[in-house]
């Protein structure tokens, strides 16, 4: 494990980059992006739903709550990765958004 300050910087940078990607896609998508207390929310009108993306410092992961599932991404030298699929944060969120939209 790395120091908490290093983790927080890595998580903040990853979530900020994701937020910028989502803001750029917001006009084309059927969702809105909101940020509150360090968490990122992707809110859908049709079909209704909400994704929550938050850093979890004690376990040094970024957690995504989406589609009735929790996704826990580990910090690796390549960034935050979902061990089960090998997907990084941006591509994983993009896939989840597409699946939600149908």
PDB file of N, CA and C in Angstrom:
ATOM      1  N   UNK A   1       0.840  -1.184   0.000  1.00  0.00           N
ATOM      2  CA  UNK A   1       0.000   0.000   0.000  1.00  0.00           C
ATOM      3  C   UNK A   1       0.883   1.244   0.000  1.00  0.00           C
ATOM      4  N   UNK A   2       0.367   2.276  -0.627  1.00  0.00           N
ATOM      5  CA  UNK A   2       1.078   3.544  -0.659  1.00  0.00           C
ATOM      6  C   UNK A   2       0.538   4.456   0.439  1.00  0.00           C
ATOM      7  N   UNK A   3       1.202   5.565   0.648  1.00  0.00           N
ATOM      8  CA  UNK A   3       0.731   6.512   1.656  1.00  0.00           C
ATOM      9  C   UNK A   3      -0.624   7.071   1.241  1.00  0.00           C
ATOM     10  N   UNK A   4      -1.429   7.432   2.248  1.00  0.00           N
ATOM     11  CA  UNK A   4      -2.774   7.928   1.966  1.00  0.00           C
ATOM     12  C   UNK A   4      -2.757   9.179   1.091  1.00  0.00           C
ATOM     13  N   UNK A   5      -1.782  10.069   1.298  1.00  0.00           N
ATOM     14  CA  UNK A   5      -1.726  11.284   0.481  1.00  0.00           C
ATOM     15  C   UNK A   5      -1.466  10.942  -0.983  1.00  0.00           C
ATOM     16  N   UNK A   6      -0.633   9.942  -1.235  1.00  0.00           N
ATOM     17  CA  UNK A   6      -0.379   9.516  -2.614  1.00  0.00           C
ATOM     18  C   UNK A   6      -1.640   8.911  -3.225  1.00  0.00           C
ATOM     19  N   UNK A   7      -2.340   8.081  -2.434  1.00  0.00           N
ATOM     20  CA  UNK A   7      -3.577   7.493  -2.926  1.00  0.00           C
ATOM     21  C   UNK A   7      -4.589   8.588  -3.243  1.00  0.00           C
ATOM     22  N   UNK A   8      -4.763   9.530  -2.319  1.00  0.00           N
ATOM     23  CA  UNK A   8      -5.753  10.602  -2.530  1.00  0.00           C
ATOM     24  C   UNK A   8      -5.451  11.395  -3.789  1.00  0.00           C
ATOM     25  N   UNK A   9      -4.174  11.688  -4.039  1.00  0.00           N
ATOM     26  CA  UNK A   9      -3.814  12.426  -5.254  1.00  0.00           C
ATOM     27  C   UNK A   9      -4.143  11.599  -6.493  1.00  0.00           C
ATOM     28  N   UNK A  10      -3.789  10.318  -6.478  1.00  0.00           N
ATOM     29  CA  UNK A  10      -4.071   9.444  -7.625  1.00  0.00           C
ATOM     30  C   UNK A  10      -5.580   9.341  -7.852  1.00  0.00           C
ATOM     31  N   UNK A  11      -6.348   9.173  -6.773  1.00  0.00           N
ATOM     32  CA  UNK A  11      -7.799   9.054  -6.898  1.00  0.00           C
ATOM     33  C   UNK A  11      -8.411  10.367  -7.380  1.00  0.00           C
ATOM     34  N   UNK A  12      -7.976  11.490  -6.806  1.00  0.00           N
ATOM     35  CA  UNK A  12      -8.494  12.792  -7.229  1.00  0.00           C
ATOM     36  C   UNK A  12      -8.205  13.039  -8.706  1.00  0.00           C
ATOM     37  N   UNK A  13      -6.993  12.722  -9.145  1.00  0.00           N
ATOM     38  CA  UNK A  13      -6.622  12.907 -10.556  1.00  0.00           C
ATOM     39  C   UNK A  13      -7.475  12.026 -11.465  1.00  0.00           C
ATOM     40  N   UNK A  14      -7.672  10.763 -11.074  1.00  0.00           N
ATOM     41  CA  UNK A  14      -8.456   9.831 -11.896  1.00  0.00           C
ATOM     42  C   UNK A  14      -9.913  10.271 -11.976  1.00  0.00           C
ATOM     43  N   UNK A  15     -10.478  10.699 -10.856  1.00  0.00           N
ATOM     44  CA  UNK A  15     -11.878  11.119 -10.851  1.00  0.00           C
ATOM     45  C   UNK A  15     -12.045  12.438 -11.602  1.00  0.00           C
ATOM     46  N   UNK A  16     -11.082  13.330 -11.503  1.00  0.00           N
ATOM     47  CA  UNK A  16     -11.147  14.594 -12.250  1.00  0.00           C
ATOM     48  C   UNK A  16     -11.097  14.326 -13.760  1.00  0.00           C
ATOM     49  N   UNK A  17     -10.205  13.434 -14.195  1.00  0.00           N
ATOM     50  CA  UNK A  17     -10.119  13.088 -15.621  1.00  0.00           C
ATOM     51  C   UNK A  17     -11.425  12.458 -16.090  1.00  0.00           C
ATOM     52  N   UNK A  18     -11.998  11.568 -15.281  1.00  0.00           N
ATOM     53  CA  UNK A  18     -13.271  10.943 -15.626  1.00  0.00           C
ATOM     54  C   UNK A  18     -14.368  11.998 -15.706  1.00  0.00           C
ATOM     55  N   UNK A  19     -14.389  12.924 -14.754  1.00  0.00           N
ATOM     56  CA  UNK A  19     -15.404  13.976 -14.736  1.00  0.00           C
ATOM     57  C   UNK A  19     -15.341  14.797 -16.017  1.00  0.00           C
ATOM     58  N   UNK A  20     -14.147  15.126 -16.473  1.00  0.00           N
ATOM     59  CA  UNK A  20     -14.001  15.889 -17.710  1.00  0.00           C
ATOM     60  C   UNK A  20     -14.508  15.097 -18.917  1.00  0.00           C
ATOM     61  N   UNK A  21     -14.205  13.787 -18.960  1.00  0.00           N
ATOM     62  CA  UNK A  21     -14.716  12.925 -20.042  1.00  0.00           C
ATOM     63  C   UNK A  21     -16.244  12.895 -20.029  1.00  0.00           C
ATOM     64  N   UNK A  22     -16.812  12.761 -18.825  1.00  0.00           N
ATOM     65  CA  UNK A  22     -18.262  12.685 -18.709  1.00  0.00           C
ATOM     66  C   UNK A  22     -18.927  14.011 -19.058  1.00  0.00           C
ATOM     67  N   UNK A  23     -18.328  15.128 -18.649  1.00  0.00           N
ATOM     68  CA  UNK A  23     -18.876  16.436 -19.021  1.00  0.00           C
ATOM     69  C   UNK A  23     -18.914  16.578 -20.548  1.00  0.00           C
ATOM     70  N   UNK A  24     -17.863  16.111 -21.218  1.00  0.00           N
ATOM     71  CA  UNK A  24     -17.809  16.195 -22.679  1.00  0.00           C
ATOM     72  C   UNK A  24     -18.888  15.324 -23.324  1.00  0.00           C
ATOM     73  N   UNK A  25     -19.228  14.201 -22.697  1.00  0.00           N
ATOM     74  CA  UNK A  25     -20.218  13.277 -23.251  1.00  0.00           C
ATOM     75  C   UNK A  25     -21.632  13.583 -22.790  1.00  0.00           C
ATOM     76  N   UNK A  26     -21.769  14.480 -21.827  1.00  0.00           N
ATOM     77  CA  UNK A  26     -23.066  14.770 -21.222  1.00  0.00           C
ATOM     78  C   UNK A  26     -24.100  15.222 -22.260  1.00  0.00           C
ATOM     79  N   UNK A  27     -23.691  16.043 -23.211  1.00  0.00           N
ATOM     80  CA  UNK A  27     -24.634  16.553 -24.209  1.00  0.00           C
ATOM     81  C   UNK A  27     -25.153  15.452 -25.125  1.00  0.00           C
ATOM     82  N   UNK A  28     -24.294  14.475 -25.423  1.00  0.00           N
ATOM     83  CA  UNK A  28     -24.695  13.389 -26.312  1.00  0.00           C
ATOM     84  C   UNK A  28     -25.442  12.289 -25.560  1.00  0.00           C
ATOM     85  N   UNK A  29     -25.202  12.189 -24.267  1.00  0.00           N
ATOM     86  CA  UNK A  29     -25.804  11.127 -23.469  1.00  0.00           C
ATOM     87  C   UNK A  29     -27.101  11.574 -22.838  1.00  0.00           C
ATOM     88  N   UNK A  30     -27.718  10.661 -22.191  1.00  0.00           N
ATOM     89  CA  UNK A  30     -28.982  10.912 -21.499  1.00  0.00           C
ATOM     90  C   UNK A  30     -28.727  10.955 -19.997  1.00  0.00           C
ATOM     91  N   UNK A  31     -27.685  11.680 -19.589  1.00  0.00           N
ATOM     92  CA  UNK A  31     -27.318  11.720 -18.179  1.00  0.00           C
ATOM     93  C   UNK A  31     -26.754  13.084 -17.815  1.00  0.00           C
ATOM     94  N   UNK A  32     -26.704  13.326 -16.506  1.00  0.00           N
ATOM     95  CA  UNK A  32     -26.077  14.527 -15.965  1.00  0.00           C
ATOM     96  C   UNK A  32     -25.000  14.099 -14.985  1.00  0.00           C
ATOM     97  N   UNK A  33     -23.963  14.907 -14.874  1.00  0.00           N
ATOM     98  CA  UNK A  33     -22.865  14.629 -13.960  1.00  0.00           C
ATOM     99  C   UNK A  33     -22.920  15.638 -12.815  1.00  0.00           C
ATOM    100  N   UNK A  34     -22.830  15.133 -11.591  1.00  0.00           N
ATOM    101  CA  UNK A  34     -22.821  15.990 -10.411  1.00  0.00           C
ATOM    102  C   UNK A  34     -21.648  15.573  -9.531  1.00  0.00           C
ATOM    103  N   UNK A  35     -21.125  16.539  -8.771  1.00  0.00           N
ATOM    104  CA  UNK A  35     -20.036  16.248  -7.854  1.00  0.00           C
ATOM    105  C   UNK A  35     -20.406  16.775  -6.476  1.00  0.00           C
ATOM    106  N   UNK A  36     -20.256  15.916  -5.467  1.00  0.00           N
ATOM    107  CA  UNK A  36     -20.549  16.310  -4.091  1.00  0.00           C
ATOM    108  C   UNK A  36     -19.598  15.597  -3.149  1.00  0.00           C
ATOM    109  N   UNK A  37     -18.956  16.349  -2.288  1.00  0.00           N
ATOM    110  CA  UNK A  37     -18.116  15.803  -1.217  1.00  0.00           C
ATOM    111  C   UNK A  37     -17.124  14.744  -1.711  1.00  0.00           C
ATOM    112  N   UNK A  38     -16.488  15.000  -2.848  1.00  0.00           N
ATOM    113  CA  UNK A  38     -15.488  14.076  -3.365  1.00  0.00           C
ATOM    114  C   UNK A  38     -16.029  12.903  -4.153  1.00  0.00           C
ATOM    115  N   UNK A  39     -17.350  12.785  -4.227  1.00  0.00           N
ATOM    116  CA  UNK A  39     -17.965  11.704  -4.999  1.00  0.00           C
ATOM    117  C   UNK A  39     -18.512  12.264  -6.303  1.00  0.00           C
ATOM    118  N   UNK A  40     -18.530  11.426  -7.310  1.00  0.00           N
ATOM    119  CA  UNK A  40     -19.056  11.794  -8.619  1.00  0.00           C
ATOM    120  C   UNK A  40     -20.341  11.008  -8.835  1.00  0.00           C
ATOM    121  N   UNK A  41     -21.381  11.692  -9.289  1.00  0.00           N
ATOM    122  CA  UNK A  41     -22.682  11.061  -9.533  1.00  0.00           C
ATOM    123  C   UNK A  41     -23.018  11.194 -11.011  1.00  0.00           C
ATOM    124  N   UNK A  42     -23.474  10.106 -11.600  1.00  0.00           N
ATOM    125  CA  UNK A  42     -23.983  10.114 -12.970  1.00  0.00           C
ATOM    126  C   UNK A  42     -25.468   9.790 -12.832  1.00  0.00           C
ATOM    127  N   UNK A  43     -26.311  10.764 -13.187  1.00  0.00           N
ATOM    128  CA  UNK A  43     -27.749  10.647 -12.952  1.00  0.00           C
ATOM    129  C   UNK A  43     -28.473  10.523 -14.290  1.00  0.00           C
ATOM    130  N   UNK A  44     -29.326   9.516 -14.393  1.00  0.00           N
ATOM    131  CA  UNK A  44     -30.072   9.237 -15.618  1.00  0.00           C
ATOM    132  C   UNK A  44     -31.549   9.551 -15.408  1.00  0.00           C
ATOM    133  N   UNK A  45     -32.176  10.120 -16.446  1.00  0.00           N
ATOM    134  CA  UNK A  45     -33.624  10.340 -16.394  1.00  0.00           C
ATOM    135  C   UNK A  45     -34.372   9.124 -16.932  1.00  0.00           C
ATOM    136  N   UNK A  46     -33.965   8.632 -18.094  1.00  0.00           N
ATOM    137  CA  UNK A  46     -34.629   7.492 -18.732  1.00  0.00           C
ATOM    138  C   UNK A  46     -33.610   6.486 -19.221  1.00  0.00           C
ATOM    139  N   UNK A  47     -33.647   5.276 -18.773  1.00  0.00           N
ATOM    140  CA  UNK A  47     -34.367   4.852 -17.584  1.00  0.00           C
ATOM    141  C   UNK A  47     -33.713   5.473 -16.349  1.00  0.00           C
ATOM    142  N   UNK A  48     -34.522   5.720 -15.347  1.00  0.00           N
ATOM    143  CA  UNK A  48     -34.043   6.377 -14.140  1.00  0.00           C
ATOM    144  C   UNK A  48     -32.942   5.553 -13.482  1.00  0.00           C
ATOM    145  N   UNK A  49     -31.942   6.247 -12.963  1.00  0.00           N
ATOM    146  CA  UNK A  49     -30.864   5.559 -12.271  1.00  0.00           C
ATOM    147  C   UNK A  49     -29.779   6.524 -11.855  1.00  0.00           C
ATOM    148  N   UNK A  50     -28.881   6.034 -11.014  1.00  0.00           N
ATOM    149  CA  UNK A  50     -27.770   6.855 -10.553  1.00  0.00           C
ATOM    150  C   UNK A  50     -26.560   5.968 -10.320  1.00  0.00           C
ATOM    151  N   UNK A  51     -25.403   6.400 -10.818  1.00  0.00           N
ATOM    152  CA  UNK A  51     -24.134   5.750 -10.520  1.00  0.00           C
ATOM    153  C   UNK A  51     -23.411   6.640  -9.515  1.00  0.00           C
ATOM    154  N   UNK A  52     -22.734   6.036  -8.568  1.00  0.00           N
ATOM    155  CA  UNK A  52     -21.945   6.774  -7.592  1.00  0.00           C
ATOM    156  C   UNK A  52     -20.502   6.277  -7.690  1.00  0.00           C
ATOM    157  N   UNK A  53     -19.582   7.213  -7.875  1.00  0.00           N
ATOM    158  CA  UNK A  53     -18.163   6.885  -8.028  1.00  0.00           C
ATOM    159  C   UNK A  53     -17.419   7.596  -6.905  1.00  0.00           C
ATOM    160  N   UNK A  54     -16.772   6.830  -6.015  1.00  0.00           N
ATOM    161  CA  UNK A  54     -16.122   7.440  -4.867  1.00  0.00           C
ATOM    162  C   UNK A  54     -14.796   6.759  -4.526  1.00  0.00           C
ATOM    163  N   UNK A  55     -13.841   7.557  -4.082  1.00  0.00           N
ATOM    164  CA  UNK A  55     -12.598   6.958  -3.599  1.00  0.00           C
ATOM    165  C   UNK A  55     -12.817   6.358  -2.217  1.00  0.00           C
ATOM    166  N   UNK A  56     -12.149   5.253  -1.933  1.00  0.00           N
ATOM    167  CA  UNK A  56     -12.219   4.630  -0.615  1.00  0.00           C
ATOM    168  C   UNK A  56     -10.779   4.503  -0.114  1.00  0.00           C
ATOM    169  N   UNK A  57     -10.331   5.505   0.635  1.00  0.00           N
ATOM    170  CA  UNK A  57      -8.938   5.578   1.070  1.00  0.00           C
ATOM    171  C   UNK A  57      -8.487   4.406   1.945  1.00  0.00           C
ATOM    172  N   UNK A  58      -9.293   3.931   2.901  1.00  0.00           N
ATOM    173  CA  UNK A  58      -8.797   2.849   3.754  1.00  0.00           C
ATOM    174  C   UNK A  58      -8.363   1.594   2.984  1.00  0.00           C
ATOM    175  N   UNK A  59      -9.040   1.285   1.888  1.00  0.00           N
ATOM    176  CA  UNK A  59      -8.671   0.091   1.109  1.00  0.00           C
ATOM    177  C   UNK A  59      -7.976   0.462  -0.199  1.00  0.00           C
ATOM    178  N   UNK A  60      -7.772   1.763  -0.412  1.00  0.00           N
ATOM    179  CA  UNK A  60      -7.079   2.295  -1.592  1.00  0.00           C
ATOM    180  C   UNK A  60      -7.692   1.785  -2.899  1.00  0.00           C
ATOM    181  N   UNK A  61      -8.987   2.006  -3.013  1.00  0.00           N
ATOM    182  CA  UNK A  61      -9.731   1.636  -4.215  1.00  0.00           C
ATOM    183  C   UNK A  61     -10.667   2.780  -4.596  1.00  0.00           C
ATOM    184  N   UNK A  62     -11.115   2.753  -5.832  1.00  0.00           N
ATOM    185  CA  UNK A  62     -12.239   3.578  -6.252  1.00  0.00           C
ATOM    186  C   UNK A  62     -13.410   2.628  -6.404  1.00  0.00           C
ATOM    187  N   UNK A  63     -14.523   2.991  -5.761  1.00  0.00           N
ATOM    188  CA  UNK A  63     -15.720   2.161  -5.807  1.00  0.00           C
ATOM    189  C   UNK A  63     -16.750   2.811  -6.700  1.00  0.00           C
ATOM    190  N   UNK A  64     -17.405   1.981  -7.503  1.00  0.00           N
ATOM    191  CA  UNK A  64     -18.504   2.431  -8.353  1.00  0.00           C
ATOM    192  C   UNK A  64     -19.733   1.609  -7.970  1.00  0.00           C
ATOM    193  N   UNK A  65     -20.786   2.303  -7.633  1.00  0.00           N
ATOM    194  CA  UNK A  65     -22.067   1.652  -7.395  1.00  0.00           C
ATOM    195  C   UNK A  65     -22.915   1.942  -8.625  1.00  0.00           C
ATOM    196  N   UNK A  66     -23.213   0.906  -9.391  1.00  0.00           N
ATOM    197  CA  UNK A  66     -23.940   1.075 -10.649  1.00  0.00           C
ATOM    198  C   UNK A  66     -24.665  -0.214 -11.008  1.00  0.00           C
ATOM    199  N   UNK A  67     -25.885  -0.065 -11.519  1.00  0.00           N
ATOM    200  CA  UNK A  67     -26.636  -1.203 -12.023  1.00  0.00           C
ATOM    201  C   UNK A  67     -26.763  -2.305 -10.966  1.00  0.00           C
ATOM    202  N   UNK A  68     -27.054  -1.929  -9.730  1.00  0.00           N
ATOM    203  CA  UNK A  68     -27.246  -2.858  -8.613  1.00  0.00           C
ATOM    204  C   UNK A  68     -26.005  -3.680  -8.288  1.00  0.00           C
ATOM    205  N   UNK A  69     -24.843  -3.160  -8.645  1.00  0.00           N
ATOM    206  CA  UNK A  69     -23.591  -3.870  -8.426  1.00  0.00           C
ATOM    207  C   UNK A  69     -22.544  -2.895  -7.897  1.00  0.00           C
ATOM    208  N   UNK A  70     -21.604  -3.408  -7.134  1.00  0.00           N
ATOM    209  CA  UNK A  70     -20.476  -2.615  -6.669  1.00  0.00           C
ATOM    210  C   UNK A  70     -19.230  -3.065  -7.420  1.00  0.00           C
ATOM    211  N   UNK A  71     -18.537  -2.106  -8.012  1.00  0.00           N
ATOM    212  CA  UNK A  71     -17.302  -2.375  -8.740  1.00  0.00           C
ATOM    213  C   UNK A  71     -16.167  -1.741  -7.946  1.00  0.00           C
ATOM    214  N   UNK A  72     -15.130  -2.520  -7.622  1.00  0.00           N
ATOM    215  CA  UNK A  72     -14.028  -2.036  -6.800  1.00  0.00           C
ATOM    216  C   UNK A  72     -12.738  -2.081  -7.617  1.00  0.00           C
ATOM    217  N   UNK A  73     -12.242  -0.893  -7.947  1.00  0.00           N
ATOM    218  CA  UNK A  73     -11.054  -0.776  -8.784  1.00  0.00           C
ATOM    219  C   UNK A  73      -9.817  -0.579  -7.920  1.00  0.00           C
ATOM    220  N   UNK A  74      -8.783  -1.347  -8.200  1.00  0.00           N
ATOM    221  CA  UNK A  74      -7.517  -1.270  -7.474  1.00  0.00           C
ATOM    222  C   UNK A  74      -6.571  -0.296  -8.161  1.00  0.00           C
ATOM    223  N   UNK A  75      -5.758   0.377  -7.366  1.00  0.00           N
ATOM    224  CA  UNK A  75      -4.728   1.259  -7.911  1.00  0.00           C
ATOM    225  C   UNK A  75      -3.537   0.415  -8.335  1.00  0.00           C
ATOM    226  N   UNK A  76      -3.174   0.508  -9.604  1.00  0.00           N
ATOM    227  CA  UNK A  76      -2.022  -0.197 -10.165  1.00  0.00           C
ATOM    228  C   UNK A  76      -1.124   0.841 -10.834  1.00  0.00           C
ATOM    229  N   UNK A  77       0.058   0.449 -11.289  1.00  0.00           N
ATOM    230  CA  UNK A  77       0.891   1.404 -12.027  1.00  0.00           C
ATOM    231  C   UNK A  77       0.215   1.929 -13.302  1.00  0.00           C
ATOM    232  N   UNK A  78      -0.770   1.200 -13.821  1.00  0.00           N
ATOM    233  CA  UNK A  78      -1.504   1.622 -15.022  1.00  0.00           C
ATOM    234  C   UNK A  78      -2.728   2.459 -14.683  1.00  0.00           C
ATOM    235  N   UNK A  79      -2.976   2.715 -13.413  1.00  0.00           N
ATOM    236  CA  UNK A  79      -4.148   3.469 -12.995  1.00  0.00           C
ATOM    237  C   UNK A  79      -5.101   2.572 -12.232  1.00  0.00           C
ATOM    238  N   UNK A  80      -6.337   3.031 -12.082  1.00  0.00           N
ATOM    239  CA  UNK A  80      -7.338   2.253 -11.355  1.00  0.00           C
ATOM    240  C   UNK A  80      -7.944   1.215 -12.297  1.00  0.00           C
ATOM    241  N   UNK A  81      -7.845  -0.061 -11.898  1.00  0.00           N
ATOM    242  CA  UNK A  81      -8.228  -1.190 -12.755  1.00  0.00           C
ATOM    243  C   UNK A  81      -9.198  -2.101 -11.996  1.00  0.00           C
ATOM    244  N   UNK A  82     -10.241  -2.571 -12.702  1.00  0.00           N
ATOM    245  CA  UNK A  82     -11.146  -3.576 -12.153  1.00  0.00           C
ATOM    246  C   UNK A  82     -10.493  -4.939 -12.359  1.00  0.00           C
ATOM    247  N   UNK A  83     -10.050  -5.600 -11.289  1.00  0.00           N
ATOM    248  CA  UNK A  83      -9.300  -6.850 -11.448  1.00  0.00           C
ATOM    249  C   UNK A  83     -10.026  -7.922 -12.258  1.00  0.00           C
ATOM    250  N   UNK A  84     -11.335  -8.014 -12.094  1.00  0.00           N
ATOM    251  CA  UNK A  84     -12.110  -9.074 -12.749  1.00  0.00           C
ATOM    252  C   UNK A  84     -12.035  -8.999 -14.280  1.00  0.00           C
ATOM    253  N   UNK A  85     -12.042  -7.774 -14.824  1.00  0.00           N
ATOM    254  CA  UNK A  85     -12.080  -7.625 -16.286  1.00  0.00           C
ATOM    255  C   UNK A  85     -10.833  -6.956 -16.868  1.00  0.00           C
ATOM    256  N   UNK A  86     -10.036  -6.312 -16.019  1.00  0.00           N
ATOM    257  CA  UNK A  86      -8.873  -5.588 -16.510  1.00  0.00           C
ATOM    258  C   UNK A  86      -9.206  -4.207 -17.059  1.00  0.00           C
ATOM    259  N   UNK A  87     -10.476  -3.782 -16.919  1.00  0.00           N
ATOM    260  CA  UNK A  87     -10.886  -2.473 -17.429  1.00  0.00           C
ATOM    261  C   UNK A  87     -10.400  -1.359 -16.507  1.00  0.00           C
ATOM    262  N   UNK A  88     -10.023  -0.247 -17.119  1.00  0.00           N
ATOM    263  CA  UNK A  88      -9.663   0.925 -16.329  1.00  0.00           C
ATOM    264  C   UNK A  88     -10.920   1.766 -16.087  1.00  0.00           C
ATOM    265  N   UNK A  89     -10.792   2.781 -15.254  1.00  0.00           N
ATOM    266  CA  UNK A  89     -11.932   3.561 -14.785  1.00  0.00           C
ATOM    267  C   UNK A  89     -12.775   4.129 -15.925  1.00  0.00           C
ATOM    268  N   UNK A  90     -12.171   4.869 -16.843  1.00  0.00           N
ATOM    269  CA  UNK A  90     -12.930   5.509 -17.928  1.00  0.00           C
ATOM    270  C   UNK A  90     -13.695   4.516 -18.801  1.00  0.00           C
ATOM    271  N   UNK A  91     -13.011   3.524 -19.371  1.00  0.00           N
ATOM    272  CA  UNK A  91     -13.717   2.535 -20.196  1.00  0.00           C
ATOM    273  C   UNK A  91     -14.796   1.762 -19.447  1.00  0.00           C
ATOM    274  N   UNK A  92     -14.565   1.466 -18.172  1.00  0.00           N
ATOM    275  CA  UNK A  92     -15.578   0.758 -17.390  1.00  0.00           C
ATOM    276  C   UNK A  92     -16.832   1.613 -17.232  1.00  0.00           C
ATOM    277  N   UNK A  93     -16.670   2.876 -16.869  1.00  0.00           N
ATOM    278  CA  UNK A  93     -17.828   3.757 -16.694  1.00  0.00           C
ATOM    279  C   UNK A  93     -18.546   3.940 -18.025  1.00  0.00           C
ATOM    280  N   UNK A  94     -17.815   4.078 -19.108  1.00  0.00           N
ATOM    281  CA  UNK A  94     -18.430   4.214 -20.436  1.00  0.00           C
ATOM    282  C   UNK A  94     -19.280   2.978 -20.754  1.00  0.00           C
ATOM    283  N   UNK A  95     -18.734   1.789 -20.486  1.00  0.00           N
ATOM    284  CA  UNK A  95     -19.483   0.548 -20.745  1.00  0.00           C
ATOM    285  C   UNK A  95     -20.742   0.492 -19.877  1.00  0.00           C
ATOM    286  N   UNK A  96     -20.620   0.842 -18.611  1.00  0.00           N
ATOM    287  CA  UNK A  96     -21.785   0.806 -17.718  1.00  0.00           C
ATOM    288  C   UNK A  96     -22.870   1.784 -18.171  1.00  0.00           C
ATOM    289  N   UNK A  97     -22.462   2.951 -18.638  1.00  0.00           N
ATOM    290  CA  UNK A  97     -23.423   3.930 -19.144  1.00  0.00           C
ATOM    291  C   UNK A  97     -24.137   3.370 -20.366  1.00  0.00           C
ATOM    292  N   UNK A  98     -23.395   2.780 -21.287  1.00  0.00           N
ATOM    293  CA  UNK A  98     -24.003   2.195 -22.484  1.00  0.00           C
ATOM    294  C   UNK A  98     -24.956   1.066 -22.122  1.00  0.00           C
ATOM    295  N   UNK A  99     -24.580   0.223 -21.163  1.00  0.00           N
ATOM    296  CA  UNK A  99     -25.462  -0.860 -20.739  1.00  0.00           C
ATOM    297  C   UNK A  99     -26.725  -0.318 -20.091  1.00  0.00           C
ATOM    298  N   UNK A 100     -26.590   0.746 -19.304  1.00  0.00           N
ATOM    299  CA  UNK A 100     -27.753   1.331 -18.647  1.00  0.00           C
ATOM    300  C   UNK A 100     -28.716   1.923 -19.687  1.00  0.00           C
ATOM    301  N   UNK A 101     -28.156   2.579 -20.685  1.00  0.00           N
ATOM    302  CA  UNK A 101     -28.974   3.223 -21.708  1.00  0.00           C
ATOM    303  C   UNK A 101     -29.662   2.193 -22.619  1.00  0.00           C
ATOM    304  N   UNK A 102     -29.088   0.983 -22.667  1.00  0.00           N
ATOM    305  CA  UNK A 102     -29.698  -0.070 -23.466  1.00  0.00           C
ATOM    306  C   UNK A 102     -29.286   0.041 -24.877  1.00  0.00           C
TER     307      UNK A 102
END
